[in-house]
């Protein structure tokens, strides 16, 4: 069980480190809100979403995707559309500097922030491919239920610790001057990353379709 736990922990840590739409949005929430309690719902939503994907992967969804490659192509196409749209939303998102009291609270409602987090978590092809295919494939190495459980718990633990950590890092970022400018550039950086990932998936999809016709 210890080996499975360490494997799950290290693999999940490697997958979650790159900056993407999910991570950037959690950081921006820590930056935007003066009171941390307003950031917690987004953190919990992101962590629960990752836990759901990890559970689905370990339970065997990855084997279905591997057996039916056409599903990967459909997922990739939908992911391209999703990332382009999310990038545009991030680029044009209005920003406000943190003021005294509640004047600097997020300009989105709680419902909208949670829905945005769910989209960035559950509809993000990069996160889905990471958790369902990579983590799910790793779980196949452990036939014993106890080992699978330890592996899944370790991967989920990484998500919970990570999202709380980067939201707190966002709070530290919120203490600096020119907060609106910083957040605006963070949003644009996130948009650029999403568009680059979309381009990467477009190339992969093109290669897959080309090879299928060859």
N, C-alpha and C. Protein backbone atom coordinates (compact mmCIF):
# COMPACT_ATOMS: atom_id res chain seq x y z
N UNK A 1 0.82 -1.21 0.00
CA UNK A 1 0.00 0.00 0.00
C UNK A 1 0.85 1.27 0.00
N UNK A 2 1.98 1.22 0.68
CA UNK A 2 2.85 2.40 0.76
C UNK A 2 3.39 2.75 -0.63
N UNK A 3 3.80 1.73 -1.36
CA UNK A 3 4.33 1.97 -2.71
C UNK A 3 3.25 2.59 -3.59
N UNK A 4 2.04 2.07 -3.51
CA UNK A 4 0.93 2.60 -4.30
C UNK A 4 0.62 4.05 -3.90
N UNK A 5 0.68 4.33 -2.60
CA UNK A 5 0.41 5.68 -2.11
C UNK A 5 1.45 6.67 -2.64
N UNK A 6 2.72 6.29 -2.55
CA UNK A 6 3.79 7.17 -3.02
C UNK A 6 3.69 7.38 -4.54
N UNK A 7 3.38 6.30 -5.23
CA UNK A 7 3.22 6.39 -6.69
C UNK A 7 2.10 7.38 -7.04
N UNK A 8 0.94 7.22 -6.41
CA UNK A 8 -0.18 8.10 -6.67
C UNK A 8 0.12 9.54 -6.32
N UNK A 9 0.82 9.76 -5.22
CA UNK A 9 1.15 11.11 -4.78
C UNK A 9 2.09 11.80 -5.76
N UNK A 10 3.16 11.14 -6.13
CA UNK A 10 4.15 11.74 -7.03
C UNK A 10 3.59 11.97 -8.43
N UNK A 11 2.81 11.02 -8.91
CA UNK A 11 2.23 11.16 -10.25
C UNK A 11 1.25 12.33 -10.29
N UNK A 12 0.38 12.42 -9.29
CA UNK A 12 -0.59 13.51 -9.25
C UNK A 12 0.09 14.86 -9.09
N UNK A 13 1.16 14.91 -8.30
CA UNK A 13 1.89 16.16 -8.10
C UNK A 13 2.50 16.63 -9.42
N UNK A 14 3.06 15.72 -10.18
CA UNK A 14 3.66 16.08 -11.46
C UNK A 14 2.62 16.59 -12.44
N UNK A 15 1.41 16.03 -12.39
CA UNK A 15 0.37 16.41 -13.33
C UNK A 15 -0.29 17.74 -12.98
N UNK A 16 -0.33 18.08 -11.69
CA UNK A 16 -1.08 19.27 -11.28
C UNK A 16 -0.23 20.54 -11.29
N UNK A 17 1.08 20.40 -11.35
CA UNK A 17 1.97 21.56 -11.26
C UNK A 17 1.83 22.55 -12.42
N UNK A 18 1.68 22.12 -13.67
CA UNK A 18 1.62 23.11 -14.75
C UNK A 18 0.46 24.09 -14.58
N UNK A 19 0.72 25.35 -14.93
CA UNK A 19 -0.31 26.38 -14.84
C UNK A 19 -1.34 26.19 -15.94
N UNK A 20 -2.59 26.12 -15.55
CA UNK A 20 -3.67 25.95 -16.52
C UNK A 20 -4.89 26.73 -16.08
N UNK A 21 -6.02 26.58 -16.78
CA UNK A 21 -7.20 27.37 -16.45
C UNK A 21 -7.73 27.13 -15.05
N UNK A 22 -7.65 25.90 -14.59
CA UNK A 22 -8.14 25.58 -13.25
C UNK A 22 -7.26 26.23 -12.19
N UNK A 23 -5.96 26.02 -12.27
CA UNK A 23 -5.03 26.60 -11.30
C UNK A 23 -5.08 28.12 -11.30
N UNK A 24 -5.08 28.71 -12.49
CA UNK A 24 -5.05 30.16 -12.59
C UNK A 24 -6.30 30.78 -12.00
N UNK A 25 -7.45 30.15 -12.22
CA UNK A 25 -8.69 30.71 -11.67
C UNK A 25 -8.69 30.65 -10.15
N UNK A 26 -8.18 29.55 -9.58
CA UNK A 26 -8.11 29.45 -8.12
C UNK A 26 -7.18 30.51 -7.56
N UNK A 27 -6.04 30.72 -8.21
CA UNK A 27 -5.10 31.76 -7.77
C UNK A 27 -5.75 33.13 -7.85
N UNK A 28 -6.45 33.40 -8.95
CA UNK A 28 -7.06 34.71 -9.13
C UNK A 28 -8.14 34.97 -8.09
N UNK A 29 -8.82 33.91 -7.65
CA UNK A 29 -9.82 34.09 -6.60
C UNK A 29 -9.17 34.47 -5.27
N UNK A 30 -8.03 33.85 -4.97
CA UNK A 30 -7.30 34.23 -3.77
C UNK A 30 -6.82 35.67 -3.84
N UNK A 31 -6.49 36.11 -5.05
CA UNK A 31 -6.03 37.48 -5.25
C UNK A 31 -7.18 38.48 -5.13
N UNK A 32 -8.32 38.13 -5.69
CA UNK A 32 -9.44 39.05 -5.80
C UNK A 32 -10.12 39.31 -4.46
N UNK A 33 -10.30 38.27 -3.66
CA UNK A 33 -11.09 38.39 -2.43
C UNK A 33 -10.25 38.85 -1.24
N UNK A 34 -10.77 39.82 -0.53
CA UNK A 34 -10.10 40.29 0.68
C UNK A 34 -10.29 39.32 1.83
N UNK A 35 -11.46 38.68 1.87
CA UNK A 35 -11.77 37.70 2.92
C UNK A 35 -11.63 36.29 2.35
N UNK A 36 -10.79 35.49 2.97
CA UNK A 36 -10.46 34.18 2.41
C UNK A 36 -11.67 33.26 2.33
N UNK A 37 -12.63 33.45 3.24
CA UNK A 37 -13.81 32.57 3.23
C UNK A 37 -14.56 32.63 1.90
N UNK A 38 -14.41 33.73 1.17
CA UNK A 38 -15.08 33.84 -0.12
C UNK A 38 -14.36 33.04 -1.21
N UNK A 39 -13.12 32.69 -0.93
CA UNK A 39 -12.34 31.88 -1.89
C UNK A 39 -12.58 30.39 -1.67
N UNK A 40 -12.94 30.00 -0.45
CA UNK A 40 -13.06 28.59 -0.09
C UNK A 40 -14.02 27.82 -0.99
N UNK A 41 -15.21 28.35 -1.36
CA UNK A 41 -16.10 27.56 -2.23
C UNK A 41 -15.46 27.16 -3.56
N UNK A 42 -14.66 28.06 -4.14
CA UNK A 42 -13.98 27.74 -5.39
C UNK A 42 -12.93 26.65 -5.16
N UNK A 43 -12.19 26.76 -4.06
CA UNK A 43 -11.17 25.76 -3.72
C UNK A 43 -11.82 24.39 -3.53
N UNK A 44 -12.91 24.35 -2.78
CA UNK A 44 -13.60 23.08 -2.54
C UNK A 44 -14.16 22.50 -3.83
N UNK A 45 -14.70 23.36 -4.69
CA UNK A 45 -15.25 22.88 -5.96
C UNK A 45 -14.16 22.27 -6.83
N UNK A 46 -13.00 22.94 -6.92
CA UNK A 46 -11.89 22.41 -7.72
C UNK A 46 -11.39 21.09 -7.15
N UNK A 47 -11.25 21.02 -5.82
CA UNK A 47 -10.74 19.80 -5.19
C UNK A 47 -11.73 18.64 -5.36
N UNK A 48 -13.03 18.91 -5.15
CA UNK A 48 -14.04 17.87 -5.33
C UNK A 48 -14.08 17.40 -6.78
N UNK A 49 -13.95 18.32 -7.71
CA UNK A 49 -13.97 17.95 -9.14
C UNK A 49 -12.82 17.01 -9.47
N UNK A 50 -11.62 17.35 -8.99
CA UNK A 50 -10.48 16.47 -9.23
C UNK A 50 -10.68 15.11 -8.59
N UNK A 51 -11.26 15.10 -7.39
CA UNK A 51 -11.51 13.84 -6.70
C UNK A 51 -12.47 12.96 -7.49
N UNK A 52 -13.49 13.59 -8.08
CA UNK A 52 -14.45 12.85 -8.91
C UNK A 52 -13.75 12.24 -10.12
N UNK A 53 -12.91 13.03 -10.79
CA UNK A 53 -12.20 12.52 -11.96
C UNK A 53 -11.25 11.39 -11.59
N UNK A 54 -10.57 11.55 -10.47
CA UNK A 54 -9.63 10.51 -10.03
C UNK A 54 -10.38 9.23 -9.70
N UNK A 55 -11.52 9.35 -9.00
CA UNK A 55 -12.31 8.17 -8.66
C UNK A 55 -12.79 7.47 -9.92
N UNK A 56 -13.25 8.27 -10.89
CA UNK A 56 -13.72 7.68 -12.15
C UNK A 56 -12.59 6.97 -12.87
N UNK A 57 -11.39 7.57 -12.83
CA UNK A 57 -10.24 6.96 -13.51
C UNK A 57 -9.88 5.63 -12.87
N UNK A 58 -9.80 5.62 -11.56
CA UNK A 58 -9.39 4.40 -10.86
C UNK A 58 -10.45 3.31 -11.00
N UNK A 59 -11.70 3.72 -11.15
CA UNK A 59 -12.77 2.73 -11.31
C UNK A 59 -12.84 2.13 -12.71
N UNK A 60 -12.02 2.65 -13.63
CA UNK A 60 -11.92 1.98 -14.91
C UNK A 60 -12.36 2.72 -16.14
N UNK A 61 -12.71 4.02 -16.01
CA UNK A 61 -13.12 4.76 -17.20
C UNK A 61 -11.98 4.81 -18.22
N UNK A 62 -10.74 4.86 -17.72
CA UNK A 62 -9.60 4.96 -18.62
C UNK A 62 -9.55 3.79 -19.61
N UNK A 63 -9.95 2.61 -19.16
CA UNK A 63 -9.90 1.45 -20.04
C UNK A 63 -10.95 1.57 -21.16
N UNK A 64 -12.08 2.22 -20.86
CA UNK A 64 -13.09 2.43 -21.89
C UNK A 64 -12.54 3.36 -22.97
N UNK A 65 -11.88 4.45 -22.55
CA UNK A 65 -11.31 5.39 -23.51
C UNK A 65 -10.21 4.75 -24.35
N UNK A 66 -9.41 3.92 -23.70
CA UNK A 66 -8.32 3.26 -24.42
C UNK A 66 -8.87 2.25 -25.43
N UNK A 67 -10.00 1.62 -25.10
CA UNK A 67 -10.58 0.62 -25.99
C UNK A 67 -11.31 1.26 -27.16
N UNK A 68 -11.74 2.52 -26.98
CA UNK A 68 -12.48 3.22 -28.04
C UNK A 68 -11.77 4.53 -28.36
N UNK A 69 -10.76 4.49 -29.21
CA UNK A 69 -9.98 5.70 -29.52
C UNK A 69 -10.82 6.83 -30.09
N UNK A 70 -11.95 6.52 -30.74
CA UNK A 70 -12.77 7.58 -31.33
C UNK A 70 -13.28 8.53 -30.24
N UNK A 71 -13.47 8.03 -29.03
CA UNK A 71 -13.91 8.88 -27.94
C UNK A 71 -12.85 9.92 -27.60
N UNK A 72 -11.59 9.55 -27.72
CA UNK A 72 -10.51 10.50 -27.46
C UNK A 72 -10.55 11.63 -28.49
N UNK A 73 -10.84 11.29 -29.75
CA UNK A 73 -10.88 12.32 -30.79
C UNK A 73 -12.05 13.28 -30.55
N UNK A 74 -13.19 12.74 -30.16
CA UNK A 74 -14.34 13.60 -29.86
C UNK A 74 -14.04 14.50 -28.68
N UNK A 75 -13.42 13.93 -27.65
CA UNK A 75 -13.05 14.70 -26.47
C UNK A 75 -12.05 15.79 -26.82
N UNK A 76 -11.11 15.47 -27.68
CA UNK A 76 -10.12 16.46 -28.09
C UNK A 76 -10.77 17.61 -28.83
N UNK A 77 -11.69 17.31 -29.75
CA UNK A 77 -12.38 18.37 -30.50
C UNK A 77 -13.19 19.28 -29.56
N UNK A 78 -13.94 18.66 -28.66
CA UNK A 78 -14.71 19.46 -27.70
C UNK A 78 -13.78 20.28 -26.81
N UNK A 79 -12.63 19.71 -26.49
CA UNK A 79 -11.67 20.42 -25.66
C UNK A 79 -11.11 21.65 -26.35
N UNK A 80 -10.88 21.56 -27.66
CA UNK A 80 -10.38 22.71 -28.42
C UNK A 80 -11.39 23.85 -28.35
N UNK A 81 -12.65 23.54 -28.59
CA UNK A 81 -13.70 24.56 -28.53
C UNK A 81 -13.78 25.15 -27.14
N UNK A 82 -13.72 24.30 -26.13
CA UNK A 82 -13.80 24.74 -24.75
C UNK A 82 -12.66 25.68 -24.39
N UNK A 83 -11.45 25.31 -24.75
CA UNK A 83 -10.29 26.12 -24.38
C UNK A 83 -10.27 27.46 -25.09
N UNK A 84 -10.68 27.49 -26.36
CA UNK A 84 -10.74 28.76 -27.08
C UNK A 84 -11.76 29.69 -26.42
N UNK A 85 -12.91 29.14 -26.08
CA UNK A 85 -13.96 29.94 -25.43
C UNK A 85 -13.53 30.41 -24.05
N UNK A 86 -12.95 29.50 -23.26
CA UNK A 86 -12.49 29.87 -21.92
C UNK A 86 -11.38 30.91 -21.99
N UNK A 87 -10.51 30.80 -22.98
CA UNK A 87 -9.45 31.78 -23.13
C UNK A 87 -10.01 33.16 -23.43
N UNK A 88 -11.02 33.21 -24.28
CA UNK A 88 -11.65 34.50 -24.61
C UNK A 88 -12.31 35.09 -23.37
N UNK A 89 -12.99 34.25 -22.58
CA UNK A 89 -13.61 34.73 -21.35
C UNK A 89 -12.57 35.27 -20.38
N UNK A 90 -11.44 34.58 -20.27
CA UNK A 90 -10.39 35.03 -19.36
C UNK A 90 -9.75 36.33 -19.85
N UNK A 91 -9.56 36.47 -21.15
CA UNK A 91 -8.91 37.66 -21.72
C UNK A 91 -9.74 38.92 -21.47
N UNK A 92 -11.05 38.80 -21.63
CA UNK A 92 -11.92 39.97 -21.52
C UNK A 92 -12.54 40.13 -20.13
N UNK A 93 -12.12 39.31 -19.17
CA UNK A 93 -12.68 39.38 -17.82
C UNK A 93 -12.33 40.71 -17.16
N UNK A 94 -13.30 41.46 -16.63
CA UNK A 94 -12.98 42.72 -15.94
C UNK A 94 -12.29 42.46 -14.62
N UNK A 95 -11.43 43.39 -14.20
CA UNK A 95 -10.71 43.22 -12.95
C UNK A 95 -10.85 44.48 -12.11
N UNK A 96 -10.73 44.32 -10.80
CA UNK A 96 -10.82 45.43 -9.87
C UNK A 96 -9.75 45.26 -8.80
N UNK A 97 -9.14 46.33 -8.40
CA UNK A 97 -8.16 46.27 -7.32
C UNK A 97 -8.88 46.02 -6.01
N UNK A 98 -8.17 45.42 -5.06
CA UNK A 98 -8.74 45.15 -3.74
C UNK A 98 -8.81 46.45 -2.95
N UNK A 99 -10.02 46.79 -2.48
CA UNK A 99 -10.22 47.99 -1.69
C UNK A 99 -10.51 47.59 -0.25
N UNK A 100 -10.74 48.57 0.59
CA UNK A 100 -11.06 48.27 1.98
C UNK A 100 -12.45 47.65 2.07
N UNK A 101 -12.67 46.90 3.13
CA UNK A 101 -13.96 46.27 3.32
C UNK A 101 -14.25 45.25 2.25
N UNK A 102 -15.51 45.27 1.79
CA UNK A 102 -15.93 44.30 0.80
C UNK A 102 -15.93 44.88 -0.62
N UNK A 103 -15.41 46.07 -0.81
CA UNK A 103 -15.46 46.68 -2.13
C UNK A 103 -14.63 45.93 -3.14
N UNK A 104 -13.64 45.17 -2.64
CA UNK A 104 -12.80 44.45 -3.58
C UNK A 104 -13.21 43.02 -3.78
N UNK A 105 -14.39 42.64 -3.34
CA UNK A 105 -14.83 41.25 -3.51
C UNK A 105 -14.99 40.95 -4.99
N UNK A 106 -15.02 39.66 -5.33
CA UNK A 106 -15.11 39.27 -6.74
C UNK A 106 -16.37 39.84 -7.36
N UNK A 107 -16.28 40.17 -8.62
CA UNK A 107 -17.39 40.78 -9.36
C UNK A 107 -18.34 39.72 -9.88
N UNK A 108 -17.98 38.45 -9.76
CA UNK A 108 -18.87 37.37 -10.15
C UNK A 108 -19.65 36.89 -8.92
N UNK A 109 -20.88 36.39 -9.16
CA UNK A 109 -21.65 35.80 -8.07
C UNK A 109 -21.03 34.45 -7.69
N UNK A 110 -21.40 33.96 -6.52
CA UNK A 110 -20.88 32.67 -6.07
C UNK A 110 -21.27 31.56 -7.04
N UNK A 111 -22.52 31.60 -7.51
CA UNK A 111 -22.98 30.58 -8.45
C UNK A 111 -22.15 30.59 -9.73
N UNK A 112 -21.88 31.79 -10.25
CA UNK A 112 -21.11 31.87 -11.48
C UNK A 112 -19.68 31.40 -11.28
N UNK A 113 -19.10 31.71 -10.12
CA UNK A 113 -17.72 31.28 -9.86
C UNK A 113 -17.64 29.77 -9.73
N UNK A 114 -18.63 29.17 -9.07
CA UNK A 114 -18.63 27.72 -8.92
C UNK A 114 -18.83 27.04 -10.28
N UNK A 115 -19.75 27.55 -11.10
CA UNK A 115 -19.96 26.99 -12.43
C UNK A 115 -18.72 27.12 -13.30
N UNK A 116 -18.04 28.27 -13.20
CA UNK A 116 -16.81 28.46 -13.96
C UNK A 116 -15.75 27.45 -13.51
N UNK A 117 -15.66 27.23 -12.20
CA UNK A 117 -14.69 26.26 -11.68
C UNK A 117 -15.02 24.85 -12.16
N UNK A 118 -16.30 24.50 -12.17
CA UNK A 118 -16.71 23.19 -12.66
C UNK A 118 -16.35 23.01 -14.13
N UNK A 119 -16.58 24.06 -14.93
CA UNK A 119 -16.22 23.97 -16.35
C UNK A 119 -14.72 23.81 -16.52
N UNK A 120 -13.95 24.61 -15.77
CA UNK A 120 -12.49 24.54 -15.89
C UNK A 120 -11.93 23.23 -15.37
N UNK A 121 -12.69 22.53 -14.52
CA UNK A 121 -12.21 21.29 -13.92
C UNK A 121 -12.71 20.07 -14.68
N UNK A 122 -14.01 19.99 -14.92
CA UNK A 122 -14.60 18.78 -15.48
C UNK A 122 -14.66 18.78 -17.00
N UNK A 123 -14.54 19.97 -17.64
CA UNK A 123 -14.57 20.03 -19.11
C UNK A 123 -13.21 20.35 -19.70
N UNK A 124 -12.20 20.39 -18.88
CA UNK A 124 -10.84 20.69 -19.34
C UNK A 124 -10.22 19.40 -19.87
N UNK A 125 -9.97 19.30 -21.17
CA UNK A 125 -9.44 18.04 -21.71
C UNK A 125 -8.09 17.66 -21.12
N UNK A 126 -7.28 18.67 -20.80
CA UNK A 126 -5.97 18.36 -20.22
C UNK A 126 -6.14 17.67 -18.88
N UNK A 127 -7.03 18.21 -18.04
CA UNK A 127 -7.26 17.61 -16.72
C UNK A 127 -7.89 16.22 -16.86
N UNK A 128 -8.82 16.09 -17.82
CA UNK A 128 -9.48 14.80 -18.02
C UNK A 128 -8.49 13.75 -18.50
N UNK A 129 -7.66 14.12 -19.48
CA UNK A 129 -6.69 13.16 -20.00
C UNK A 129 -5.66 12.80 -18.93
N UNK A 130 -5.27 13.81 -18.14
CA UNK A 130 -4.31 13.54 -17.06
C UNK A 130 -4.88 12.55 -16.05
N UNK A 131 -6.08 12.85 -15.55
CA UNK A 131 -6.63 12.02 -14.48
C UNK A 131 -7.16 10.69 -14.99
N UNK A 132 -7.97 10.75 -16.06
CA UNK A 132 -8.62 9.53 -16.51
C UNK A 132 -7.64 8.57 -17.19
N UNK A 133 -6.78 9.11 -18.06
CA UNK A 133 -5.87 8.23 -18.81
C UNK A 133 -4.59 7.94 -18.02
N UNK A 134 -3.90 9.01 -17.58
CA UNK A 134 -2.61 8.80 -16.91
C UNK A 134 -2.79 8.17 -15.53
N UNK A 135 -3.61 8.79 -14.69
CA UNK A 135 -3.82 8.24 -13.35
C UNK A 135 -4.58 6.92 -13.42
N UNK A 136 -5.57 6.86 -14.31
CA UNK A 136 -6.28 5.60 -14.47
C UNK A 136 -5.39 4.48 -14.96
N UNK A 137 -4.49 4.81 -15.89
CA UNK A 137 -3.54 3.80 -16.36
C UNK A 137 -2.61 3.33 -15.27
N UNK A 138 -2.18 4.25 -14.40
CA UNK A 138 -1.32 3.87 -13.28
C UNK A 138 -2.03 2.96 -12.30
N UNK A 139 -3.33 3.20 -12.10
CA UNK A 139 -4.09 2.37 -11.17
C UNK A 139 -4.18 0.92 -11.64
N UNK A 140 -4.05 0.72 -12.95
CA UNK A 140 -4.12 -0.64 -13.49
C UNK A 140 -2.96 -1.50 -13.01
N UNK A 141 -1.91 -0.87 -12.49
CA UNK A 141 -0.76 -1.63 -12.00
C UNK A 141 -1.05 -2.32 -10.68
N UNK A 142 -2.16 -1.93 -10.02
CA UNK A 142 -2.45 -2.45 -8.68
C UNK A 142 -3.78 -3.20 -8.68
N UNK A 143 -3.72 -4.52 -8.80
CA UNK A 143 -4.96 -5.31 -8.82
C UNK A 143 -5.67 -5.38 -7.46
N UNK A 144 -4.91 -5.26 -6.37
CA UNK A 144 -5.51 -5.35 -5.04
C UNK A 144 -6.33 -4.11 -4.73
N UNK A 145 -7.56 -4.26 -4.24
CA UNK A 145 -8.41 -3.10 -3.92
C UNK A 145 -7.76 -2.15 -2.92
N UNK A 146 -7.04 -2.67 -1.94
CA UNK A 146 -6.39 -1.82 -0.94
C UNK A 146 -5.34 -0.93 -1.58
N UNK A 147 -4.58 -1.49 -2.51
CA UNK A 147 -3.56 -0.70 -3.20
C UNK A 147 -4.20 0.36 -4.09
N UNK A 148 -5.28 -0.01 -4.78
CA UNK A 148 -5.98 0.97 -5.60
C UNK A 148 -6.51 2.12 -4.75
N UNK A 149 -7.03 1.80 -3.58
CA UNK A 149 -7.57 2.83 -2.69
C UNK A 149 -6.46 3.76 -2.22
N UNK A 150 -5.33 3.19 -1.82
CA UNK A 150 -4.20 4.02 -1.37
C UNK A 150 -3.72 4.91 -2.50
N UNK A 151 -3.64 4.38 -3.68
CA UNK A 151 -3.21 5.14 -4.87
C UNK A 151 -4.16 6.31 -5.14
N UNK A 152 -5.46 6.04 -5.11
CA UNK A 152 -6.46 7.07 -5.38
C UNK A 152 -6.47 8.13 -4.29
N UNK A 153 -6.37 7.72 -3.03
CA UNK A 153 -6.37 8.67 -1.93
C UNK A 153 -5.17 9.61 -2.01
N UNK A 154 -4.02 9.07 -2.39
CA UNK A 154 -2.82 9.90 -2.51
C UNK A 154 -2.99 10.94 -3.60
N UNK A 155 -3.53 10.51 -4.75
CA UNK A 155 -3.73 11.44 -5.86
C UNK A 155 -4.73 12.53 -5.48
N UNK A 156 -5.81 12.15 -4.78
CA UNK A 156 -6.81 13.13 -4.37
C UNK A 156 -6.22 14.09 -3.33
N UNK A 157 -5.39 13.57 -2.43
CA UNK A 157 -4.77 14.41 -1.40
C UNK A 157 -3.95 15.53 -2.02
N UNK A 158 -3.24 15.22 -3.09
CA UNK A 158 -2.44 16.24 -3.78
C UNK A 158 -3.33 17.40 -4.23
N UNK A 159 -4.48 17.08 -4.82
CA UNK A 159 -5.38 18.13 -5.30
C UNK A 159 -5.86 19.02 -4.16
N UNK A 160 -6.26 18.41 -3.05
CA UNK A 160 -6.78 19.19 -1.94
C UNK A 160 -5.71 20.12 -1.37
N UNK A 161 -4.52 19.59 -1.13
CA UNK A 161 -3.44 20.41 -0.59
C UNK A 161 -3.04 21.49 -1.59
N UNK A 162 -2.95 21.14 -2.84
CA UNK A 162 -2.49 22.07 -3.88
C UNK A 162 -3.43 23.26 -4.03
N UNK A 163 -4.71 23.02 -4.11
CA UNK A 163 -5.65 24.12 -4.35
C UNK A 163 -5.72 25.07 -3.16
N UNK A 164 -5.66 24.54 -1.95
CA UNK A 164 -5.62 25.44 -0.80
C UNK A 164 -4.32 26.24 -0.80
N UNK A 165 -3.21 25.60 -1.19
CA UNK A 165 -1.92 26.29 -1.19
C UNK A 165 -1.88 27.42 -2.22
N UNK A 166 -2.36 27.17 -3.43
CA UNK A 166 -2.26 28.22 -4.45
C UNK A 166 -3.30 29.32 -4.21
N UNK A 167 -4.40 29.01 -3.55
CA UNK A 167 -5.34 30.07 -3.20
C UNK A 167 -4.73 31.00 -2.16
N UNK A 168 -3.97 30.44 -1.23
CA UNK A 168 -3.27 31.26 -0.24
C UNK A 168 -2.15 32.06 -0.90
N UNK A 169 -1.50 31.47 -1.90
CA UNK A 169 -0.49 32.21 -2.66
C UNK A 169 -1.13 33.38 -3.38
N UNK A 170 -2.36 33.19 -3.86
CA UNK A 170 -3.08 34.28 -4.48
C UNK A 170 -3.37 35.41 -3.52
N UNK A 171 -3.63 35.07 -2.26
CA UNK A 171 -3.85 36.11 -1.25
C UNK A 171 -2.60 36.96 -1.06
N UNK A 172 -1.45 36.29 -1.04
CA UNK A 172 -0.19 37.04 -0.91
C UNK A 172 0.00 37.96 -2.11
N UNK A 173 -0.38 37.48 -3.27
CA UNK A 173 -0.28 38.30 -4.47
C UNK A 173 -1.19 39.51 -4.38
N UNK A 174 -2.33 39.33 -3.71
CA UNK A 174 -3.28 40.42 -3.59
C UNK A 174 -2.80 41.56 -2.72
N UNK A 175 -1.71 41.37 -1.97
CA UNK A 175 -1.20 42.43 -1.10
C UNK A 175 -0.29 43.41 -1.83
N UNK A 176 0.10 43.10 -3.05
CA UNK A 176 1.04 43.95 -3.75
C UNK A 176 0.31 45.12 -4.40
N UNK A 177 1.04 46.13 -4.82
CA UNK A 177 0.46 47.28 -5.49
C UNK A 177 0.08 46.91 -6.94
N UNK A 178 -0.70 47.76 -7.56
CA UNK A 178 -1.15 47.54 -8.93
C UNK A 178 -1.83 46.18 -9.09
N UNK A 179 -2.74 45.90 -8.13
CA UNK A 179 -3.39 44.58 -8.13
C UNK A 179 -4.22 44.35 -9.39
N UNK A 180 -4.94 45.39 -9.82
CA UNK A 180 -5.78 45.22 -11.01
C UNK A 180 -4.93 44.87 -12.22
N UNK A 181 -3.80 45.56 -12.37
CA UNK A 181 -2.92 45.28 -13.50
C UNK A 181 -2.35 43.86 -13.39
N UNK A 182 -1.97 43.46 -12.17
CA UNK A 182 -1.42 42.11 -11.98
C UNK A 182 -2.45 41.06 -12.34
N UNK A 183 -3.68 41.24 -11.86
CA UNK A 183 -4.73 40.27 -12.15
C UNK A 183 -5.09 40.25 -13.63
N UNK A 184 -5.07 41.44 -14.26
CA UNK A 184 -5.36 41.50 -15.69
C UNK A 184 -4.34 40.71 -16.49
N UNK A 185 -3.06 40.88 -16.14
CA UNK A 185 -2.03 40.14 -16.86
C UNK A 185 -2.07 38.65 -16.53
N UNK A 186 -2.50 38.33 -15.30
CA UNK A 186 -2.67 36.91 -14.95
C UNK A 186 -3.77 36.30 -15.81
N UNK A 187 -4.86 37.03 -15.98
CA UNK A 187 -5.95 36.55 -16.83
C UNK A 187 -5.48 36.36 -18.26
N UNK A 188 -4.70 37.32 -18.76
CA UNK A 188 -4.23 37.23 -20.14
C UNK A 188 -3.20 36.11 -20.30
N UNK A 189 -2.39 35.90 -19.26
CA UNK A 189 -1.46 34.77 -19.30
C UNK A 189 -2.22 33.46 -19.35
N UNK A 190 -3.28 33.37 -18.53
CA UNK A 190 -4.11 32.17 -18.54
C UNK A 190 -4.73 31.96 -19.91
N UNK A 191 -5.24 33.06 -20.51
CA UNK A 191 -5.84 32.94 -21.85
C UNK A 191 -4.82 32.45 -22.86
N UNK A 192 -3.60 33.01 -22.81
CA UNK A 192 -2.55 32.58 -23.73
C UNK A 192 -2.22 31.11 -23.57
N UNK A 193 -2.14 30.65 -22.33
CA UNK A 193 -1.84 29.24 -22.08
C UNK A 193 -2.96 28.35 -22.63
N UNK A 194 -4.21 28.77 -22.40
CA UNK A 194 -5.33 27.96 -22.90
C UNK A 194 -5.33 27.89 -24.42
N UNK A 195 -5.02 29.01 -25.06
CA UNK A 195 -4.98 29.01 -26.53
C UNK A 195 -3.81 28.18 -27.06
N UNK A 196 -2.68 28.20 -26.36
CA UNK A 196 -1.55 27.36 -26.78
C UNK A 196 -1.88 25.88 -26.63
N UNK A 197 -2.55 25.53 -25.52
CA UNK A 197 -2.96 24.14 -25.32
C UNK A 197 -3.97 23.73 -26.38
N UNK A 198 -4.89 24.65 -26.71
CA UNK A 198 -5.87 24.35 -27.77
C UNK A 198 -5.16 24.10 -29.09
N UNK A 199 -4.13 24.91 -29.39
CA UNK A 199 -3.36 24.69 -30.61
C UNK A 199 -2.66 23.36 -30.61
N UNK A 200 -2.14 22.98 -29.45
CA UNK A 200 -1.46 21.68 -29.33
C UNK A 200 -2.44 20.55 -29.59
N UNK A 201 -3.65 20.65 -29.01
CA UNK A 201 -4.65 19.62 -29.23
C UNK A 201 -5.12 19.58 -30.68
N UNK A 202 -5.17 20.75 -31.31
CA UNK A 202 -5.57 20.81 -32.72
C UNK A 202 -4.56 20.07 -33.59
N UNK A 203 -3.27 20.26 -33.29
CA UNK A 203 -2.23 19.54 -34.03
C UNK A 203 -2.35 18.04 -33.80
N UNK A 204 -2.56 17.65 -32.55
CA UNK A 204 -2.70 16.23 -32.23
C UNK A 204 -3.90 15.62 -32.95
N UNK A 205 -5.01 16.36 -32.96
CA UNK A 205 -6.21 15.87 -33.63
C UNK A 205 -5.97 15.73 -35.13
N UNK A 206 -5.26 16.72 -35.70
CA UNK A 206 -4.95 16.64 -37.12
C UNK A 206 -4.10 15.43 -37.45
N UNK A 207 -3.08 15.16 -36.63
CA UNK A 207 -2.24 13.98 -36.84
C UNK A 207 -3.05 12.69 -36.73
N UNK A 208 -3.95 12.65 -35.73
CA UNK A 208 -4.75 11.44 -35.53
C UNK A 208 -5.66 11.18 -36.72
N UNK A 209 -6.29 12.25 -37.22
CA UNK A 209 -7.17 12.09 -38.38
C UNK A 209 -6.37 11.72 -39.63
N UNK A 210 -5.19 12.30 -39.79
CA UNK A 210 -4.32 12.00 -40.94
C UNK A 210 -3.89 10.54 -40.93
N UNK A 211 -3.48 10.06 -39.74
CA UNK A 211 -3.04 8.67 -39.61
C UNK A 211 -4.18 7.70 -39.83
N UNK A 212 -5.39 8.12 -39.43
CA UNK A 212 -6.56 7.24 -39.61
C UNK A 212 -6.90 7.07 -41.08
N UNK A 213 -6.62 8.11 -41.88
CA UNK A 213 -6.93 8.01 -43.30
C UNK A 213 -5.81 7.38 -44.11
N UNK A 214 -4.62 7.29 -43.51
CA UNK A 214 -3.46 6.74 -44.24
C UNK A 214 -3.56 5.21 -44.34
